[in-house]
PDB file of N, CA and C in Angstrom:
ATOM      1  N   MET A   1       0.844  -1.181   0.000  1.00  0.00           N
ATOM      2  CA  MET A   1       0.000   0.000   0.000  1.00  0.00           C
ATOM      3  C   MET A   1       0.887   1.242   0.000  1.00  0.00           C
ATOM      4  N   SER A   2       0.450   2.264  -0.687  1.00  0.00           N
ATOM      5  CA  SER A   2       1.230   3.496  -0.802  1.00  0.00           C
ATOM      6  C   SER A   2       1.274   4.230   0.527  1.00  0.00           C
ATOM      7  N   ALA A   3       2.414   4.836   0.818  1.00  0.00           N
ATOM      8  CA  ALA A   3       2.594   5.564   2.077  1.00  0.00           C
ATOM      9  C   ALA A   3       1.580   6.696   2.192  1.00  0.00           C
ATOM     10  N   GLY A   4       0.961   6.808   3.357  1.00  0.00           N
ATOM     11  CA  GLY A   4      -0.011   7.870   3.594  1.00  0.00           C
ATOM     12  C   GLY A   4      -1.411   7.561   3.102  1.00  0.00           C
ATOM     13  N   TYR A   5      -1.550   6.476   2.360  1.00  0.00           N
ATOM     14  CA  TYR A   5      -2.862   6.109   1.824  1.00  0.00           C
ATOM     15  C   TYR A   5      -3.479   4.992   2.665  1.00  0.00           C
ATOM     16  N   VAL A   6      -4.801   5.068   2.834  1.00  0.00           N
ATOM     17  CA  VAL A   6      -5.533   4.009   3.523  1.00  0.00           C
ATOM     18  C   VAL A   6      -6.639   3.504   2.602  1.00  0.00           C
ATOM     19  N   ARG A   7      -7.008   2.233   2.797  1.00  0.00           N
ATOM     20  CA  ARG A   7      -8.054   1.642   1.962  1.00  0.00           C
ATOM     21  C   ARG A   7      -9.399   2.228   2.367  1.00  0.00           C
ATOM     22  N   ALA A   8     -10.114   2.772   1.391  1.00  0.00           N
ATOM     23  CA  ALA A   8     -11.423   3.361   1.650  1.00  0.00           C
ATOM     24  C   ALA A   8     -12.543   2.362   1.400  1.00  0.00           C
ATOM     25  N   CYS A   9     -12.417   1.603   0.308  1.00  0.00           N
ATOM     26  CA  CYS A   9     -13.439   0.629  -0.061  1.00  0.00           C
ATOM     27  C   CYS A   9     -12.946  -0.147  -1.274  1.00  0.00           C
ATOM     28  N   ALA A  10     -13.763  -1.091  -1.712  1.00  0.00           N
ATOM     29  CA  ALA A  10     -13.461  -1.825  -2.936  1.00  0.00           C
ATOM     30  C   ALA A  10     -14.014  -1.035  -4.120  1.00  0.00           C
ATOM     31  N   LEU A  11     -13.243  -0.967  -5.180  1.00  0.00           N
ATOM     32  CA  LEU A  11     -13.696  -0.291  -6.395  1.00  0.00           C
ATOM     33  C   LEU A  11     -14.986  -0.919  -6.918  1.00  0.00           C
ATOM     34  N   SER A  12     -15.087  -2.229  -6.797  1.00  0.00           N
ATOM     35  CA  SER A  12     -16.238  -2.955  -7.352  1.00  0.00           C
ATOM     36  C   SER A  12     -17.560  -2.622  -6.659  1.00  0.00           C
ATOM     37  N   VAL A  13     -17.533  -2.038  -5.452  1.00  0.00           N
ATOM     38  CA  VAL A  13     -18.787  -1.703  -4.769  1.00  0.00           C
ATOM     39  C   VAL A  13     -19.296  -0.317  -5.144  1.00  0.00           C
ATOM     40  N   LEU A  14     -18.480   0.468  -5.836  1.00  0.00           N
ATOM     41  CA  LEU A  14     -18.890   1.830  -6.191  1.00  0.00           C
ATOM     42  C   LEU A  14     -19.757   1.827  -7.443  1.00  0.00           C
ATOM     43  N   GLN A  15     -20.957   2.385  -7.310  1.00  0.00           N
ATOM     44  CA  GLN A  15     -21.821   2.578  -8.469  1.00  0.00           C
ATOM     45  C   GLN A  15     -21.564   3.979  -9.002  1.00  0.00           C
ATOM     46  N   GLU A  16     -21.625   4.122 -10.314  1.00  0.00           N
ATOM     47  CA  GLU A  16     -21.337   5.424 -10.912  1.00  0.00           C
ATOM     48  C   GLU A  16     -22.313   6.478 -10.407  1.00  0.00           C
ATOM     49  N   ASP A  17     -21.750   7.622  -9.997  1.00  0.00           N
ATOM     50  CA  ASP A  17     -22.502   8.789  -9.524  1.00  0.00           C
ATOM     51  C   ASP A  17     -23.327   8.521  -8.262  1.00  0.00           C
ATOM     52  N   VAL A  18     -22.936   7.502  -7.480  1.00  0.00           N
ATOM     53  CA  VAL A  18     -23.593   7.229  -6.200  1.00  0.00           C
ATOM     54  C   VAL A  18     -22.537   7.339  -5.102  1.00  0.00           C
ATOM     55  N   PRO A  19     -22.590   8.410  -4.279  1.00  0.00           N
ATOM     56  CA  PRO A  19     -21.567   8.600  -3.243  1.00  0.00           C
ATOM     57  C   PRO A  19     -21.593   7.492  -2.199  1.00  0.00           C
ATOM     58  N   LYS A  20     -20.415   7.137  -1.710  1.00  0.00           N
ATOM     59  CA  LYS A  20     -20.283   6.179  -0.615  1.00  0.00           C
ATOM     60  C   LYS A  20     -19.566   6.885   0.526  1.00  0.00           C
ATOM     61  N   LYS A  21     -20.208   6.909   1.695  1.00  0.00           N
ATOM     62  CA  LYS A  21     -19.620   7.569   2.863  1.00  0.00           C
ATOM     63  C   LYS A  21     -18.725   6.586   3.605  1.00  0.00           C
ATOM     64  N   VAL A  22     -17.509   7.038   3.892  1.00  0.00           N
ATOM     65  CA  VAL A  22     -16.571   6.254   4.701  1.00  0.00           C
ATOM     66  C   VAL A  22     -15.928   7.194   5.713  1.00  0.00           C
ATOM     67  N   GLU A  23     -15.306   6.607   6.735  1.00  0.00           N
ATOM     68  CA  GLU A  23     -14.540   7.414   7.682  1.00  0.00           C
ATOM     69  C   GLU A  23     -13.111   6.907   7.656  1.00  0.00           C
ATOM     70  N   LEU A  24     -12.172   7.812   7.385  1.00  0.00           N
ATOM     71  CA  LEU A  24     -10.762   7.453   7.275  1.00  0.00           C
ATOM     72  C   LEU A  24      -9.957   8.269   8.275  1.00  0.00           C
ATOM     73  N   ASN A  25      -9.340   7.599   9.214  1.00  0.00           N
ATOM     74  CA  ASN A  25      -8.572   8.279  10.268  1.00  0.00           C
ATOM     75  C   ASN A  25      -9.401   9.372  10.945  1.00  0.00           C
ATOM     76  N   GLY A  26     -10.686   9.093  11.174  1.00  0.00           N
ATOM     77  CA  GLY A  26     -11.561  10.050  11.843  1.00  0.00           C
ATOM     78  C   GLY A  26     -12.128  11.136  10.955  1.00  0.00           C
ATOM     79  N   VAL A  27     -11.821  11.085   9.656  1.00  0.00           N
ATOM     80  CA  VAL A  27     -12.288  12.106   8.711  1.00  0.00           C
ATOM     81  C   VAL A  27     -13.441  11.527   7.879  1.00  0.00           C
ATOM     82  N   PRO A  28     -14.614  12.203   7.867  1.00  0.00           N
ATOM     83  CA  PRO A  28     -15.707  11.734   7.015  1.00  0.00           C
ATOM     84  C   PRO A  28     -15.415  12.075   5.556  1.00  0.00           C
ATOM     85  N   VAL A  29     -15.487  11.058   4.699  1.00  0.00           N
ATOM     86  CA  VAL A  29     -15.123  11.221   3.289  1.00  0.00           C
ATOM     87  C   VAL A  29     -16.212  10.615   2.415  1.00  0.00           C
ATOM     88  N   ALA A  30     -16.564  11.309   1.344  1.00  0.00           N
ATOM     89  CA  ALA A  30     -17.465  10.769   0.328  1.00  0.00           C
ATOM     90  C   ALA A  30     -16.609  10.286  -0.838  1.00  0.00           C
ATOM     91  N   ILE A  31     -16.749   9.022  -1.187  1.00  0.00           N
ATOM     92  CA  ILE A  31     -16.049   8.446  -2.335  1.00  0.00           C
ATOM     93  C   ILE A  31     -17.051   8.394  -3.479  1.00  0.00           C
ATOM     94  N   VAL A  32     -16.663   8.928  -4.631  1.00  0.00           N
ATOM     95  CA  VAL A  32     -17.582   8.992  -5.767  1.00  0.00           C
ATOM     96  C   VAL A  32     -16.877   8.512  -7.027  1.00  0.00           C
ATOM     97  N   ARG A  33     -17.530   7.576  -7.724  1.00  0.00           N
ATOM     98  CA  ARG A  33     -17.028   7.100  -9.012  1.00  0.00           C
ATOM     99  C   ARG A  33     -17.850   7.772 -10.103  1.00  0.00           C
ATOM    100  N   THR A  34     -17.161   8.438 -11.026  1.00  0.00           N
ATOM    101  CA  THR A  34     -17.832   9.070 -12.161  1.00  0.00           C
ATOM    102  C   THR A  34     -17.190   8.547 -13.434  1.00  0.00           C
ATOM    103  N   ASP A  35     -17.657   9.022 -14.569  1.00  0.00           N
ATOM    104  CA  ASP A  35     -17.030   8.615 -15.830  1.00  0.00           C
ATOM    105  C   ASP A  35     -15.644   9.237 -15.980  1.00  0.00           C
ATOM    106  N   GLU A  36     -15.291  10.196 -15.099  1.00  0.00           N
ATOM    107  CA  GLU A  36     -13.963  10.823 -15.124  1.00  0.00           C
ATOM    108  C   GLU A  36     -12.977  10.160 -14.172  1.00  0.00           C
ATOM    109  N   GLY A  37     -13.457   9.265 -13.304  1.00  0.00           N
ATOM    110  CA  GLY A  37     -12.569   8.602 -12.354  1.00  0.00           C
ATOM    111  C   GLY A  37     -13.209   8.477 -10.989  1.00  0.00           C
ATOM    112  N   VAL A  38     -12.370   8.207  -9.995  1.00  0.00           N
ATOM    113  CA  VAL A  38     -12.833   8.065  -8.614  1.00  0.00           C
ATOM    114  C   VAL A  38     -12.296   9.255  -7.819  1.00  0.00           C
ATOM    115  N   PHE A  39     -13.171   9.873  -7.041  1.00  0.00           N
ATOM    116  CA  PHE A  39     -12.831  11.065  -6.289  1.00  0.00           C
ATOM    117  C   PHE A  39     -13.140  10.867  -4.814  1.00  0.00           C
ATOM    118  N   ALA A  40     -12.380  11.567  -3.970  1.00  0.00           N
ATOM    119  CA  ALA A  40     -12.610  11.571  -2.527  1.00  0.00           C
ATOM    120  C   ALA A  40     -12.716  13.022  -2.089  1.00  0.00           C
ATOM    121  N   ILE A  41     -13.825  13.345  -1.437  1.00  0.00           N
ATOM    122  CA  ILE A  41     -14.096  14.712  -1.020  1.00  0.00           C
ATOM    123  C   ILE A  41     -14.588  14.685   0.418  1.00  0.00           C
ATOM    124  N   ASN A  42     -14.241  15.710   1.190  1.00  0.00           N
ATOM    125  CA  ASN A  42     -14.725  15.757   2.565  1.00  0.00           C
ATOM    126  C   ASN A  42     -16.241  15.704   2.552  1.00  0.00           C
ATOM    127  N   ASP A  43     -16.814  14.881   3.414  1.00  0.00           N
ATOM    128  CA  ASP A  43     -18.251  14.613   3.371  1.00  0.00           C
ATOM    129  C   ASP A  43     -19.102  15.688   4.036  1.00  0.00           C
ATOM    130  N   ILE A  44     -18.488  16.694   4.653  1.00  0.00           N
ATOM    131  CA  ILE A  44     -19.274  17.694   5.370  1.00  0.00           C
ATOM    132  C   ILE A  44     -19.338  18.996   4.565  1.00  0.00           C
ATOM    133  N   CYS A  45     -20.550  19.432   4.267  1.00  0.00           N
ATOM    134  CA  CYS A  45     -20.767  20.677   3.524  1.00  0.00           C
ATOM    135  C   CYS A  45     -20.144  21.844   4.279  1.00  0.00           C
ATOM    136  N   SER A  46     -19.492  22.756   3.556  1.00  0.00           N
ATOM    137  CA  SER A  46     -18.842  23.905   4.192  1.00  0.00           C
ATOM    138  C   SER A  46     -19.845  24.984   4.619  1.00  0.00           C
ATOM    139  N   HIS A  47     -21.076  24.863   4.167  1.00  0.00           N
ATOM    140  CA  HIS A  47     -22.098  25.850   4.523  1.00  0.00           C
ATOM    141  C   HIS A  47     -22.927  25.392   5.717  1.00  0.00           C
ATOM    142  N   ALA A  48     -23.355  24.152   5.682  1.00  0.00           N
ATOM    143  CA  ALA A  48     -24.155  23.596   6.770  1.00  0.00           C
ATOM    144  C   ALA A  48     -23.543  22.247   7.135  1.00  0.00           C
ATOM    145  N   ASN A  49     -23.567  21.914   8.384  1.00  0.00           N
ATOM    146  CA  ASN A  49     -22.898  20.710   8.870  1.00  0.00           C
ATOM    147  C   ASN A  49     -23.713  19.454   8.522  1.00  0.00           C
ATOM    148  N   VAL A  50     -23.821  19.159   7.221  1.00  0.00           N
ATOM    149  CA  VAL A  50     -24.576  17.986   6.776  1.00  0.00           C
ATOM    150  C   VAL A  50     -23.718  17.153   5.818  1.00  0.00           C
ATOM    151  N   SER A  51     -24.113  15.913   5.653  1.00  0.00           N
ATOM    152  CA  SER A  51     -23.359  14.961   4.844  1.00  0.00           C
ATOM    153  C   SER A  51     -23.606  15.159   3.347  1.00  0.00           C
ATOM    154  N   LEU A  52     -22.521  15.406   2.606  1.00  0.00           N
ATOM    155  CA  LEU A  52     -22.640  15.553   1.151  1.00  0.00           C
ATOM    156  C   LEU A  52     -22.963  14.231   0.474  1.00  0.00           C
ATOM    157  N   SER A  53     -22.578  13.112   1.095  1.00  0.00           N
ATOM    158  CA  SER A  53     -22.794  11.810   0.453  1.00  0.00           C
ATOM    159  C   SER A  53     -24.279  11.467   0.313  1.00  0.00           C
ATOM    160  N   GLU A  54     -25.140  12.234   0.961  1.00  0.00           N
ATOM    161  CA  GLU A  54     -26.578  12.018   0.829  1.00  0.00           C
ATOM    162  C   GLU A  54     -27.155  12.797  -0.349  1.00  0.00           C
ATOM    163  N   GLY A  55     -26.308  13.557  -1.042  1.00  0.00           N
ATOM    164  CA  GLY A  55     -26.773  14.378  -2.155  1.00  0.00           C
ATOM    165  C   GLY A  55     -26.617  13.682  -3.498  1.00  0.00           C
ATOM    166  N   GLU A  56     -27.051  14.369  -4.537  1.00  0.00           N
ATOM    167  CA  GLU A  56     -26.986  13.856  -5.902  1.00  0.00           C
ATOM    168  C   GLU A  56     -25.654  14.213  -6.545  1.00  0.00           C
ATOM    169  N   VAL A  57     -25.205  13.357  -7.474  1.00  0.00           N
ATOM    170  CA  VAL A  57     -23.983  13.611  -8.232  1.00  0.00           C
ATOM    171  C   VAL A  57     -24.344  13.724  -9.704  1.00  0.00           C
ATOM    172  N   GLU A  58     -23.840  14.792 -10.340  1.00  0.00           N
ATOM    173  CA  GLU A  58     -24.063  14.984 -11.779  1.00  0.00           C
ATOM    174  C   GLU A  58     -22.945  15.854 -12.323  1.00  0.00           C
ATOM    175  N   ASP A  59     -22.407  15.485 -13.482  1.00  0.00           N
ATOM    176  CA  ASP A  59     -21.356  16.266 -14.153  1.00  0.00           C
ATOM    177  C   ASP A  59     -20.176  16.577 -13.233  1.00  0.00           C
ATOM    178  N   CYS A  60     -19.732  15.578 -12.479  1.00  0.00           N
ATOM    179  CA  CYS A  60     -18.565  15.710 -11.583  1.00  0.00           C
ATOM    180  C   CYS A  60     -18.799  16.735 -10.477  1.00  0.00           C
ATOM    181  N   MET A  61     -20.057  16.944 -10.106  1.00  0.00           N
ATOM    182  CA  MET A  61     -20.434  17.837  -9.019  1.00  0.00           C
ATOM    183  C   MET A  61     -21.276  17.033  -8.026  1.00  0.00           C
ATOM    184  N   ILE A  62     -21.089  17.317  -6.730  1.00  0.00           N
ATOM    185  CA  ILE A  62     -21.932  16.709  -5.707  1.00  0.00           C
ATOM    186  C   ILE A  62     -22.754  17.821  -5.073  1.00  0.00           C
ATOM    187  N   GLU A  63     -24.059  17.594  -4.965  1.00  0.00           N
ATOM    188  CA  GLU A  63     -24.965  18.621  -4.461  1.00  0.00           C
ATOM    189  C   GLU A  63     -25.326  18.352  -3.013  1.00  0.00           C
ATOM    190  N   CYS A  64     -25.259  19.378  -2.191  1.00  0.00           N
ATOM    191  CA  CYS A  64     -25.714  19.275  -0.810  1.00  0.00           C
ATOM    192  C   CYS A  64     -27.235  19.207  -0.823  1.00  0.00           C
ATOM    193  N   TRP A  65     -27.767  18.181  -0.201  1.00  0.00           N
ATOM    194  CA  TRP A  65     -29.211  17.959  -0.229  1.00  0.00           C
ATOM    195  C   TRP A  65     -29.990  19.005   0.565  1.00  0.00           C
ATOM    196  N   LEU A  66     -29.340  19.693   1.501  1.00  0.00           N
ATOM    197  CA  LEU A  66     -30.079  20.594   2.376  1.00  0.00           C
ATOM    198  C   LEU A  66     -30.384  21.949   1.734  1.00  0.00           C
ATOM    199  N   HIS A  67     -29.367  22.598   1.167  1.00  0.00           N
ATOM    200  CA  HIS A  67     -29.572  23.935   0.605  1.00  0.00           C
ATOM    201  C   HIS A  67     -29.212  24.038  -0.872  1.00  0.00           C
ATOM    202  N   GLY A  68     -28.735  22.958  -1.471  1.00  0.00           N
ATOM    203  CA  GLY A  68     -28.531  22.950  -2.910  1.00  0.00           C
ATOM    204  C   GLY A  68     -27.191  23.412  -3.435  1.00  0.00           C
ATOM    205  N   SER A  69     -26.251  23.749  -2.570  1.00  0.00           N
ATOM    206  CA  SER A  69     -24.914  24.101  -3.078  1.00  0.00           C
ATOM    207  C   SER A  69     -24.277  22.854  -3.693  1.00  0.00           C
ATOM    208  N   SER A  70     -23.557  23.049  -4.790  1.00  0.00           N
ATOM    209  CA  SER A  70     -22.844  21.948  -5.420  1.00  0.00           C
ATOM    210  C   SER A  70     -21.350  22.196  -5.328  1.00  0.00           C
ATOM    211  N   PHE A  71     -20.595  21.097  -5.193  1.00  0.00           N
ATOM    212  CA  PHE A  71     -19.146  21.178  -5.069  1.00  0.00           C
ATOM    213  C   PHE A  71     -18.504  20.332  -6.163  1.00  0.00           C
ATOM    214  N   ASP A  72     -17.463  20.878  -6.773  1.00  0.00           N
ATOM    215  CA  ASP A  72     -16.726  20.165  -7.807  1.00  0.00           C
ATOM    216  C   ASP A  72     -15.934  19.035  -7.156  1.00  0.00           C
ATOM    217  N   LEU A  73     -16.123  17.805  -7.619  1.00  0.00           N
ATOM    218  CA  LEU A  73     -15.426  16.660  -7.039  1.00  0.00           C
ATOM    219  C   LEU A  73     -13.921  16.727  -7.274  1.00  0.00           C
ATOM    220  N   ARG A  74     -13.503  17.450  -8.303  1.00  0.00           N
ATOM    221  CA  ARG A  74     -12.071  17.550  -8.635  1.00  0.00           C
ATOM    222  C   ARG A  74     -11.347  18.585  -7.783  1.00  0.00           C
ATOM    223  N   THR A  75     -12.046  19.682  -7.423  1.00  0.00           N
ATOM    224  CA  THR A  75     -11.395  20.799  -6.735  1.00  0.00           C
ATOM    225  C   THR A  75     -11.990  21.103  -5.358  1.00  0.00           C
ATOM    226  N   GLY A  76     -13.213  20.676  -5.105  1.00  0.00           N
ATOM    227  CA  GLY A  76     -13.900  21.000  -3.859  1.00  0.00           C
ATOM    228  C   GLY A  76     -14.556  22.362  -3.854  1.00  0.00           C
ATOM    229  N   LYS A  77     -14.410  23.116  -4.950  1.00  0.00           N
ATOM    230  CA  LYS A  77     -14.951  24.476  -4.992  1.00  0.00           C
ATOM    231  C   LYS A  77     -16.468  24.448  -5.179  1.00  0.00           C
ATOM    232  N   PRO A  78     -17.172  25.343  -4.447  1.00  0.00           N
ATOM    233  CA  PRO A  78     -18.619  25.433  -4.616  1.00  0.00           C
ATOM    234  C   PRO A  78     -18.958  26.147  -5.922  1.00  0.00           C
ATOM    235  N   SER A  79     -20.085  25.757  -6.514  1.00  0.00           N
ATOM    236  CA  SER A  79     -20.494  26.378  -7.775  1.00  0.00           C
ATOM    237  C   SER A  79     -21.388  27.589  -7.554  1.00  0.00           C
ATOM    238  N   GLY A  80     -21.878  27.740  -6.342  1.00  0.00           N
ATOM    239  CA  GLY A  80     -22.755  28.882  -6.088  1.00  0.00           C
ATOM    240  C   GLY A  80     -23.245  28.881  -4.653  1.00  0.00           C
ATOM    241  N   LEU A  81     -23.991  29.897  -4.318  1.00  0.00           N
ATOM    242  CA  LEU A  81     -24.500  30.084  -2.960  1.00  0.00           C
ATOM    243  C   LEU A  81     -25.483  28.983  -2.592  1.00  0.00           C
ATOM    244  N   PRO A  82     -25.680  28.716  -1.304  1.00  0.00           N
ATOM    245  CA  PRO A  82     -25.194  29.515  -0.182  1.00  0.00           C
ATOM    246  C   PRO A  82     -23.746  29.209   0.227  1.00  0.00           C
ATOM    247  N   ALA A  83     -23.164  28.109  -0.232  1.00  0.00           N
ATOM    248  CA  ALA A  83     -21.779  27.808   0.159  1.00  0.00           C
ATOM    249  C   ALA A  83     -20.810  28.756  -0.535  1.00  0.00           C
ATOM    250  N   THR A  84     -19.811  29.224   0.228  1.00  0.00           N
ATOM    251  CA  THR A  84     -18.789  30.106  -0.341  1.00  0.00           C
ATOM    252  C   THR A  84     -17.396  29.522  -0.165  1.00  0.00           C
ATOM    253  N   ARG A  85     -17.235  28.575   0.757  1.00  0.00           N
ATOM    254  CA  ARG A  85     -15.925  27.974   1.025  1.00  0.00           C
ATOM    255  C   ARG A  85     -15.839  26.590   0.397  1.00  0.00           C
ATOM    256  N   PRO A  86     -14.694  26.243  -0.165  1.00  0.00           N
ATOM    257  CA  PRO A  86     -14.529  24.903  -0.728  1.00  0.00           C
ATOM    258  C   PRO A  86     -14.446  23.854   0.377  1.00  0.00           C
ATOM    259  N   VAL A  87     -14.662  22.607   0.000  1.00  0.00           N
ATOM    260  CA  VAL A  87     -14.425  21.480   0.899  1.00  0.00           C
ATOM    261  C   VAL A  87     -13.165  20.769   0.422  1.00  0.00           C
ATOM    262  N   ALA A  88     -12.506  20.077   1.328  1.00  0.00           N
ATOM    263  CA  ALA A  88     -11.248  19.405   0.998  1.00  0.00           C
ATOM    264  C   ALA A  88     -11.483  18.237   0.041  1.00  0.00           C
ATOM    265  N   VAL A  89     -10.578  18.087  -0.906  1.00  0.00           N
ATOM    266  CA  VAL A  89     -10.550  16.892  -1.750  1.00  0.00           C
ATOM    267  C   VAL A  89      -9.224  16.186  -1.465  1.00  0.00           C
ATOM    268  N   TYR A  90      -9.241  14.875  -1.608  1.00  0.00           N
ATOM    269  CA  TYR A  90      -8.088  14.073  -1.221  1.00  0.00           C
ATOM    270  C   TYR A  90      -7.593  13.230  -2.387  1.00  0.00           C
ATOM    271  N   PRO A  91      -6.276  13.000  -2.439  1.00  0.00           N
ATOM    272  CA  PRO A  91      -5.709  12.169  -3.511  1.00  0.00           C
ATOM    273  C   PRO A  91      -6.233  10.731  -3.422  1.00  0.00           C
ATOM    274  N   VAL A  92      -6.483  10.155  -4.594  1.00  0.00           N
ATOM    275  CA  VAL A  92      -6.999   8.779  -4.698  1.00  0.00           C
ATOM    276  C   VAL A  92      -6.055   7.973  -5.576  1.00  0.00           C
ATOM    277  N   LYS A  93      -5.809   6.729  -5.161  1.00  0.00           N
ATOM    278  CA  LYS A  93      -5.078   5.762  -5.986  1.00  0.00           C
ATOM    279  C   LYS A  93      -5.908   4.495  -6.056  1.00  0.00           C
ATOM    280  N   ILE A  94      -5.874   3.859  -7.198  1.00  0.00           N
ATOM    281  CA  ILE A  94      -6.537   2.570  -7.369  1.00  0.00           C
ATOM    282  C   ILE A  94      -5.452   1.513  -7.496  1.00  0.00           C
ATOM    283  N   GLU A  95      -5.498   0.527  -6.617  1.00  0.00           N
ATOM    284  CA  GLU A  95      -4.566  -0.597  -6.685  1.00  0.00           C
ATOM    285  C   GLU A  95      -5.397  -1.874  -6.697  1.00  0.00           C
ATOM    286  N   GLY A  96      -5.473  -2.515  -7.866  1.00  0.00           N
ATOM    287  CA  GLY A  96      -6.336  -3.686  -7.999  1.00  0.00           C
ATOM    288  C   GLY A  96      -7.781  -3.263  -7.810  1.00  0.00           C
ATOM    289  N   ASP A  97      -8.460  -3.883  -6.828  1.00  0.00           N
ATOM    290  CA  ASP A  97      -9.854  -3.522  -6.538  1.00  0.00           C
ATOM    291  C   ASP A  97      -9.937  -2.602  -5.317  1.00  0.00           C
ATOM    292  N   ASP A  98      -8.803  -2.110  -4.833  1.00  0.00           N
ATOM    293  CA  ASP A  98      -8.798  -1.249  -3.657  1.00  0.00           C
ATOM    294  C   ASP A  98      -8.769   0.224  -4.055  1.00  0.00           C
ATOM    295  N   VAL A  99      -9.646   1.001  -3.419  1.00  0.00           N
ATOM    296  CA  VAL A  99      -9.616   2.454  -3.558  1.00  0.00           C
ATOM    297  C   VAL A  99      -8.856   2.977  -2.346  1.00  0.00           C
ATOM    298  N   LEU A 100      -7.722   3.604  -2.603  1.00  0.00           N
ATOM    299  CA  LEU A 100      -6.865   4.135  -1.539  1.00  0.00           C
ATOM    300  C   LEU A 100      -6.950   5.655  -1.525  1.00  0.00           C
ATOM    301  N   VAL A 101      -7.058   6.223  -0.334  1.00  0.00           N
ATOM    302  CA  VAL A 101      -7.200   7.668  -0.188  1.00  0.00           C
ATOM    303  C   VAL A 101      -6.206   8.153   0.852  1.00  0.00           C
ATOM    304  N   SER A 102      -5.615   9.303   0.609  1.00  0.00           N
ATOM    305  CA  SER A 102      -4.734   9.936   1.590  1.00  0.00           C
ATOM    306  C   SER A 102      -5.448  11.151   2.163  1.00  0.00           C
ATOM    307  N   VAL A 103      -5.941  11.016   3.400  1.00  0.00           N
ATOM    308  CA  VAL A 103      -6.596  12.159   4.043  1.00  0.00           C
ATOM    309  C   VAL A 103      -5.592  13.076   4.715  1.00  0.00           C
ATOM    310  N   ASN A 104      -4.317  12.675   4.692  1.00  0.00           N
ATOM    311  CA  ASN A 104      -3.274  13.498   5.302  1.00  0.00           C
ATOM    312  C   ASN A 104      -2.834  14.637   4.384  1.00  0.00           C
ATOM    313  N   GLN A 105      -3.159  14.533   3.118  1.00  0.00           N
ATOM    314  CA  GLN A 105      -2.774  15.596   2.182  1.00  0.00           C
ATOM    315  C   GLN A 105      -3.968  15.928   1.299  1.00  0.00           C
ATOM    316  N   GLU A 106      -4.179  17.215   1.091  1.00  0.00           N
ATOM    317  CA  GLU A 106      -5.272  17.666   0.238  1.00  0.00           C
ATOM    318  C   GLU A 106      -4.715  17.968  -1.131  1.00  0.00           C
ATOM    319  N   ASN A 107      -5.563  17.777  -2.157  1.00  0.00           N
ATOM    320  CA  ASN A 107      -5.165  18.138  -3.533  1.00  0.00           C
ATOM    321  C   ASN A 107      -5.231  19.641  -3.693  1.00  0.00           C
TER     322      ASN A 107
END
């Protein structure tokens, strides 16, 4: 396993555009598989303390179900109000069927 990376889940359990919530080293993370790849983003909305993994995913964006802010899975940046602060995104590696994430370093 790569240094600093921990196993988040099996690649085979990820459905496209369906977030999977995991906790890695005490950090809540949403793992999302899209047609662009696999992404790991902090699971807590920067506007309201709610889980992003309960929201919808479309066009590499995850939407907060509570107030509708969307965050880019690649950068963590919000696309519009009410959220103004980005959420952390984390590096992902795929090794075999393992999805590995490093929550110690942000992209």
